[in-house]
Amino acid sequence: MSDSNKSNNDSDMTTTTDKVFKEIRVVIVDDSDLSRREIGRALEKEKISVVGEASNATESMAILQASKAHIAIVDVVMPDVSGIELVRKIHETFPKMFTIVISSLGHQQVVLDAISAGASDFLHKPFSKQILVNSIFKIASQIEEE
């Protein structure tokens, strides 16, 4: 009996999520092809739209503009500009966009710099895909459709 209740609750949760969030559009900015692919697969399994990918900050700005993304997932270490600087630039250019910073550098100063630059969340690599999905759904409740 508890198994069928659990199943019903799980389907209710999906229905609730579908009602609350029409579409969540995400761009992944990471210089690692493998990281972008893994994150993209995890998000698509959760029906989160990956509308663009970039391997550096320069290419990411054009993709963010064209994609009308709600959320940018940004790695700290990139070849042209640091992810922290990119987050600042994203918030100056797209004030309604949310950012999640990801990094294997978990030093307290890096986390503080990311948050002060405007990041909505900071995830330390390696992180579970469920933690990322939970962060996105939490942010999604604040998304304003145009």
Protein backbone atom coordinates (compact mmCIF):
# COMPACT_ATOMS: atom_id res chain seq x y z
CA MET A 1 0.00 0.00 0.00
CA SER A 2 2.78 2.47 0.81
CA ASP A 3 4.42 1.74 -2.57
CA SER A 4 1.28 2.80 -4.44
CA ASN A 5 1.03 5.93 -2.28
CA LYS A 6 4.63 6.74 -3.06
CA SER A 7 3.99 6.30 -6.77
CA ASN A 8 0.97 8.59 -6.62
CA ASN A 9 2.94 11.24 -4.76
CA ASP A 10 5.73 11.06 -7.34
CA SER A 11 3.32 11.60 -10.22
CA ASP A 12 1.63 14.47 -8.34
CA MET A 13 5.02 16.11 -7.93
CA THR A 14 5.65 15.94 -11.69
CA THR A 15 2.20 17.35 -12.40
CA THR A 16 2.80 20.17 -9.95
CA THR A 17 6.17 20.90 -11.52
CA ASP A 18 4.65 20.94 -15.01
CA LYS A 19 1.99 23.42 -13.88
CA VAL A 20 4.46 25.74 -12.17
CA PHE A 21 7.16 25.78 -14.87
CA LYS A 22 6.21 26.06 -18.53
CA GLU A 23 9.73 25.82 -19.89
CA ILE A 24 13.08 26.37 -18.24
CA ARG A 25 15.74 27.46 -20.75
CA VAL A 26 19.36 26.89 -19.74
CA VAL A 27 22.73 27.64 -21.32
CA ILE A 28 25.79 25.70 -20.15
CA VAL A 29 29.14 27.56 -20.18
CA ASP A 30 32.09 25.30 -19.46
CA ASP A 31 35.34 24.75 -21.32
CA SER A 32 35.04 20.99 -20.74
CA ASP A 33 33.10 19.20 -23.49
CA LEU A 34 32.55 16.27 -21.15
CA SER A 35 31.06 18.46 -18.40
CA ARG A 36 28.72 20.18 -20.86
CA ARG A 37 27.54 16.83 -22.25
CA GLU A 38 26.98 15.29 -18.80
CA ILE A 39 25.09 18.33 -17.51
CA GLY A 40 23.04 18.55 -20.71
CA ARG A 41 22.00 14.90 -20.54
CA ALA A 42 21.00 15.21 -16.87
CA LEU A 43 18.90 18.31 -17.52
CA GLU A 44 17.16 16.94 -20.58
CA LYS A 45 16.11 13.87 -18.58
CA GLU A 46 14.30 16.32 -16.28
CA LYS A 47 12.64 18.12 -19.21
CA ILE A 48 14.83 21.21 -18.73
CA SER A 49 15.65 22.75 -22.13
CA VAL A 50 19.35 23.18 -22.86
CA VAL A 51 19.11 25.95 -25.44
CA GLY A 52 22.83 26.52 -25.88
CA GLU A 53 26.34 25.58 -24.92
CA ALA A 54 29.55 27.61 -24.92
CA SER A 55 33.15 26.73 -24.17
CA ASN A 56 34.20 30.27 -23.26
CA ALA A 57 32.83 33.59 -22.06
CA THR A 58 33.06 35.37 -25.40
CA GLU A 59 30.98 32.81 -27.26
CA SER A 60 28.55 32.53 -24.35
CA MET A 61 27.32 36.14 -24.59
CA ALA A 62 26.06 35.72 -28.17
CA ILE A 63 24.40 32.42 -27.26
CA LEU A 64 22.76 33.92 -24.17
CA GLN A 65 21.37 36.80 -26.26
CA ALA A 66 20.01 34.57 -29.02
CA SER A 67 18.62 31.83 -26.77
CA LYS A 68 16.67 34.00 -24.31
CA ALA A 69 17.83 31.64 -21.58
CA HIS A 70 16.49 31.90 -18.05
CA ILE A 71 19.56 30.39 -16.38
CA ALA A 72 23.26 30.23 -17.25
CA ILE A 73 25.33 27.48 -15.66
CA VAL A 74 28.87 28.89 -15.57
CA ASP A 75 32.17 27.20 -14.72
CA VAL A 76 34.68 29.37 -12.84
CA VAL A 77 37.81 28.37 -14.76
CA MET A 78 37.67 29.18 -18.48
CA PRO A 79 40.27 30.11 -21.09
CA ASP A 80 39.37 33.74 -21.84
CA VAL A 81 37.58 35.30 -18.85
CA SER A 82 36.94 33.88 -15.40
CA GLY A 83 33.46 32.58 -14.71
CA ILE A 84 33.14 35.15 -11.92
CA GLU A 85 33.72 37.99 -14.38
CA LEU A 86 31.30 36.37 -16.81
CA VAL A 87 28.60 36.23 -14.12
CA ARG A 88 29.07 39.99 -13.53
CA LYS A 89 28.79 40.66 -17.25
CA ILE A 90 25.71 38.44 -17.57
CA HIS A 91 23.94 40.33 -14.78
CA GLU A 92 24.86 43.71 -16.28
CA THR A 93 23.67 42.67 -19.75
CA PHE A 94 20.72 40.42 -18.81
CA PRO A 95 19.47 41.60 -15.40
CA LYS A 96 16.62 39.07 -15.27
CA MET A 97 18.88 36.07 -15.98
CA PHE A 98 19.91 33.76 -13.17
CA THR A 99 23.31 32.11 -12.87
CA ILE A 100 24.58 28.97 -11.20
CA VAL A 101 28.34 28.84 -10.77
CA ILE A 102 30.05 25.45 -10.82
CA SER A 103 33.66 24.76 -9.94
CA SER A 104 36.10 22.25 -8.57
CA LEU A 105 37.62 25.23 -6.73
CA GLY A 106 35.63 25.23 -3.53
CA HIS A 107 37.64 27.82 -1.65
CA GLN A 108 35.47 30.07 0.47
CA GLN A 109 36.69 33.17 -1.39
CA VAL A 110 35.65 31.73 -4.76
CA VAL A 111 32.15 31.02 -3.42
CA LEU A 112 31.90 34.53 -1.92
CA ASP A 113 33.14 36.12 -5.16
CA ALA A 114 30.55 34.17 -7.17
CA ILE A 115 27.69 35.19 -4.90
CA SER A 116 28.81 38.84 -4.80
CA ALA A 117 28.99 38.81 -8.62
CA GLY A 118 25.31 37.84 -8.67
CA ALA A 119 25.27 34.04 -8.78
CA SER A 120 22.05 32.49 -7.52
CA ASP A 121 23.86 29.34 -6.42
CA PHE A 122 27.33 27.78 -6.27
CA LEU A 123 27.86 24.04 -6.78
CA HIS A 124 31.16 22.37 -6.01
CA LYS A 125 32.30 19.77 -8.57
CA PRO A 126 31.73 16.91 -8.50
CA PHE A 127 28.06 17.41 -7.64
CA SER A 128 25.15 15.06 -8.08
CA LYS A 129 22.92 15.80 -11.02
CA GLN A 130 19.96 15.90 -8.61
CA ILE A 131 21.55 18.77 -6.67
CA LEU A 132 21.86 20.74 -9.93
CA VAL A 133 18.27 19.94 -10.93
CA ASN A 134 17.01 20.97 -7.47
CA SER A 135 18.90 24.26 -7.74
CA ILE A 136 17.37 24.95 -11.15
CA PHE A 137 13.83 24.17 -9.97
CA LYS A 138 14.31 26.43 -6.94
CA ILE A 139 15.47 29.28 -9.19
CA ALA A 140 12.70 28.60 -11.71
CA SER A 141 10.07 29.71 -9.23
CA GLN A 142 11.53 33.22 -9.59
CA ILE A 143 11.57 33.32 -13.41
CA GLU A 144 9.45 36.06 -14.95
CA GLU A 145 8.18 35.27 -18.42
CA GLU A 146 8.33 38.14 -20.93
